[in-house]
Protein backbone atom coordinates (compact mmCIF):
# COMPACT_ATOMS: atom_id res chain seq x y z
CA MET A 1 0.00 0.00 0.00
CA GLU A 2 1.20 3.48 -0.88
CA VAL A 3 0.10 6.70 0.88
CA SER A 4 0.36 10.01 -0.98
CA LEU A 5 -1.08 13.49 -1.08
CA TYR A 6 -4.30 13.82 -3.07
CA THR A 7 -4.22 15.40 -6.52
CA GLU A 8 -7.19 17.16 -8.16
CA ASN A 9 -7.54 14.53 -10.89
CA GLU A 10 -8.43 11.99 -8.15
CA LEU A 11 -11.58 13.86 -7.02
CA ASN A 12 -14.15 11.43 -8.45
CA ASP A 13 -12.31 8.37 -7.11
CA VAL A 14 -11.97 9.97 -3.66
CA VAL A 15 -15.67 10.85 -3.51
CA ALA A 16 -16.54 7.30 -4.64
CA VAL A 17 -14.55 5.81 -1.72
CA TYR A 18 -16.46 7.99 0.77
CA VAL A 19 -19.84 7.15 -0.77
CA GLU A 20 -19.13 3.40 -0.86
CA ALA A 21 -17.65 3.16 2.64
CA PHE A 22 -20.34 5.21 4.39
CA SER A 23 -23.18 3.63 2.37
CA LYS A 24 -22.06 0.17 3.50
CA SER A 25 -21.65 1.14 7.16
CA GLU A 26 -24.26 3.86 7.73
CA GLY A 27 -26.74 3.55 4.86
CA GLU A 28 -26.98 4.95 1.35
CA ASN A 29 -28.17 8.41 2.42
CA GLU A 30 -25.22 8.87 4.78
CA GLY A 31 -22.88 7.74 2.02
CA LEU A 32 -24.21 10.45 -0.28
CA VAL A 33 -24.02 13.09 2.48
CA ILE A 34 -20.39 12.29 3.33
CA GLY A 35 -19.47 12.03 -0.35
CA GLU A 36 -20.84 15.56 -0.84
CA LEU A 37 -18.94 16.77 2.24
CA ALA A 38 -15.67 15.39 0.87
CA LYS A 39 -16.31 16.95 -2.53
CA ALA A 40 -17.17 20.33 -0.96
CA LEU A 41 -14.08 20.23 1.26
CA LEU A 42 -11.80 19.48 -1.67
CA GLU A 43 -13.40 21.94 -4.10
CA THR A 44 -14.02 24.94 -1.85
CA THR A 45 -11.32 24.95 0.83
CA PRO A 46 -8.25 27.11 0.09
CA SER A 47 -5.21 24.90 -0.53
CA GLN A 48 -3.34 26.25 2.53
CA ASP A 49 -6.24 25.10 4.73
CA ILE A 50 -6.54 21.46 3.64
CA TYR A 51 -4.50 18.28 3.34
CA CYS A 52 -5.92 15.13 1.82
CA PHE A 53 -4.11 11.80 1.76
CA VAL A 54 -4.99 8.73 -0.28
CA ALA A 55 -4.01 5.10 0.19
CA LYS A 56 -3.57 3.15 -3.03
CA GLN A 57 -3.22 -0.49 -3.76
CA HIS A 58 -2.47 -1.53 -7.35
CA GLN A 59 -3.01 2.11 -8.44
CA GLN A 60 -6.56 2.10 -7.02
CA ILE A 61 -7.61 4.40 -4.15
CA ILE A 62 -8.74 2.27 -1.21
CA GLY A 63 -8.71 4.86 1.58
CA VAL A 64 -8.87 8.62 2.09
CA ILE A 65 -8.44 11.10 4.94
CA ILE A 66 -8.94 14.85 4.96
CA PHE A 67 -7.46 17.34 7.42
CA SER A 68 -8.81 20.91 7.32
CA ARG A 69 -7.77 23.96 9.30
CA MET A 70 -9.19 24.90 12.69
CA ILE A 71 -8.83 28.47 13.93
CA PHE A 72 -8.80 29.67 17.52
CA GLU A 73 -8.40 33.06 19.14
CA GLU A 74 -4.98 31.92 20.34
CA PRO A 75 -2.38 31.60 17.57
CA LEU A 76 -1.66 27.94 16.93
CA GLN A 77 -1.46 25.67 13.93
CA SER A 78 -4.32 23.19 14.17
CA PHE A 79 -6.32 20.94 11.86
CA ILE A 80 -9.27 18.58 12.18
CA LEU A 81 -9.26 15.09 10.73
CA SER A 82 -12.64 14.52 9.08
CA PRO A 83 -13.83 12.55 7.25
CA VAL A 84 -11.97 9.22 7.06
CA ALA A 85 -12.99 6.41 4.72
CA VAL A 86 -11.65 3.02 3.68
CA ASN A 87 -13.47 1.00 1.03
CA SER A 88 -15.39 -1.93 2.47
CA LEU A 89 -13.12 -4.58 0.92
CA SER A 90 -10.02 -3.05 2.55
CA GLN A 91 -11.36 -2.41 6.05
CA LYS A 92 -9.89 -4.06 9.16
CA GLN A 93 -6.48 -4.27 7.48
CA GLY A 94 -4.83 -1.21 9.05
CA VAL A 95 -5.38 1.07 6.04
CA GLY A 96 -7.11 3.82 8.02
CA GLN A 97 -4.59 3.73 10.85
CA GLN A 98 -1.66 3.89 8.42
CA LEU A 99 -3.26 6.82 6.57
CA ILE A 100 -3.84 8.69 9.84
CA THR A 101 -0.34 7.97 11.16
CA GLU A 102 1.37 9.10 7.95
CA GLY A 103 -0.93 12.12 7.64
CA ILE A 104 -0.17 13.23 11.19
CA GLU A 105 3.58 12.82 10.61
CA TYR A 106 3.27 15.03 7.52
CA LEU A 107 1.35 17.68 9.48
CA LYS A 108 3.95 17.61 12.24
CA LYS A 109 6.65 18.39 9.64
CA GLN A 110 4.50 21.35 8.47
CA GLY A 111 4.55 22.83 11.99
CA VAL A 112 1.02 21.80 13.00
CA THR A 113 0.85 21.49 16.79
CA LEU A 114 -2.69 20.24 17.46
CA VAL A 115 -5.01 17.86 15.58
CA PHE A 116 -8.67 17.19 16.35
CA THR A 117 -11.19 14.63 15.24
CA TYR A 118 -14.77 13.75 16.07
CA GLY A 119 -15.59 10.06 16.15
CA ASP A 120 -15.15 6.75 17.93
CA PRO A 121 -12.70 7.15 20.86
CA ALA A 122 -11.85 3.42 20.79
CA TYR A 123 -10.68 3.69 17.17
CA TYR A 124 -8.90 7.05 17.31
CA SER A 125 -7.11 6.29 20.59
CA LYS A 126 -5.14 3.66 18.62
CA VAL A 127 -3.51 6.49 16.67
CA GLY A 128 -2.81 8.82 19.59
CA PHE A 129 -6.01 10.83 20.08
CA ASP A 130 -7.36 11.58 23.56
CA VAL A 131 -10.90 12.46 24.55
CA ILE A 132 -11.30 16.13 25.43
CA THR A 133 -14.26 18.13 26.68
CA GLU A 134 -15.76 21.31 25.36
CA ARG A 135 -14.71 22.95 28.61
CA GLN A 136 -11.16 22.29 27.51
CA ILE A 137 -11.58 23.21 23.83
CA LYS A 138 -14.87 24.27 22.28
CA ALA A 139 -15.97 22.55 19.06
CA PRO A 140 -17.10 24.70 16.10
CA GLN A 141 -20.67 23.36 16.38
CA PRO A 142 -22.73 21.79 19.20
CA LEU A 143 -21.76 18.13 19.56
CA SER A 144 -24.40 15.42 19.30
CA PHE A 145 -21.84 12.86 20.58
CA PRO A 146 -19.75 14.82 23.16
CA HIS A 147 -17.50 11.90 24.15
CA GLY A 148 -16.36 11.69 20.51
CA TRP A 149 -14.50 15.04 20.68
CA LEU A 150 -10.80 14.16 20.50
CA ALA A 151 -7.43 15.86 20.17
CA GLN A 152 -3.76 15.03 19.81
CA SER A 153 -0.78 17.26 20.55
CA LEU A 154 1.90 17.07 17.86
CA SER A 155 4.34 19.26 19.80
CA GLY A 156 4.92 16.92 22.73
CA ASP A 157 3.14 19.35 25.06
CA ASP A 158 -0.07 18.56 26.91
CA ILE A 159 -3.31 19.40 25.11
CA PRO A 160 -3.99 22.99 26.16
CA ILE A 161 -7.11 24.58 27.54
CA LEU A 162 -8.28 27.10 24.94
CA THR A 163 -10.82 29.77 25.75
CA GLY A 164 -13.11 31.24 23.14
CA ASP A 165 -14.71 29.86 20.04
CA SER A 166 -13.21 27.65 17.36
CA ILE A 167 -13.80 27.94 13.64
CA CYS A 168 -13.53 25.21 11.03
CA VAL A 169 -13.60 25.55 7.26
CA ALA A 170 -16.95 26.45 5.69
CA ALA A 171 -17.72 23.05 4.15
CA LEU A 172 -17.44 21.33 7.54
CA ASN A 173 -19.16 24.09 9.51
CA LYS A 174 -22.68 22.62 9.34
CA ALA A 175 -24.58 21.26 12.34
CA GLN A 176 -25.44 18.00 10.52
CA TYR A 177 -21.78 16.88 10.70
CA TRP A 178 -21.49 17.50 14.43
């Protein structure tokens, strides 16, 4: 398996991975919703505010992750990992974890100090994320699943307490995703 940065000519294949993976696990409607989210993130987010990584096997994309910028009142380099998808035939083989690990290493080299995600703590704890509360760091939208709010320090420091609001990129800043 090879992990690389996404290129624009891979858009349709990337969206297809999201649609297939989420349709199989969450239902067809959710697959379409997350496919549209991925497309919107990749088409509308300024290039300095997004990183997308693809996993390929035999030249075919089998997994995708997207990191997009988070902004706080305090100056720090932070991104949120969302969404993550691995096609149904390649799941439970470490593809997602390898994508996340390599993506985080890339971000660390770019000077990013804090990464967030919103999902299953049991899964994301395997790749270094810790559960946080909104008292510690406020999410951009109200959380429907508060114990799924997670962060990881890439600087070696403890996860800070940040006061004030957080802002994510426009495509992700919709209540339905939170």
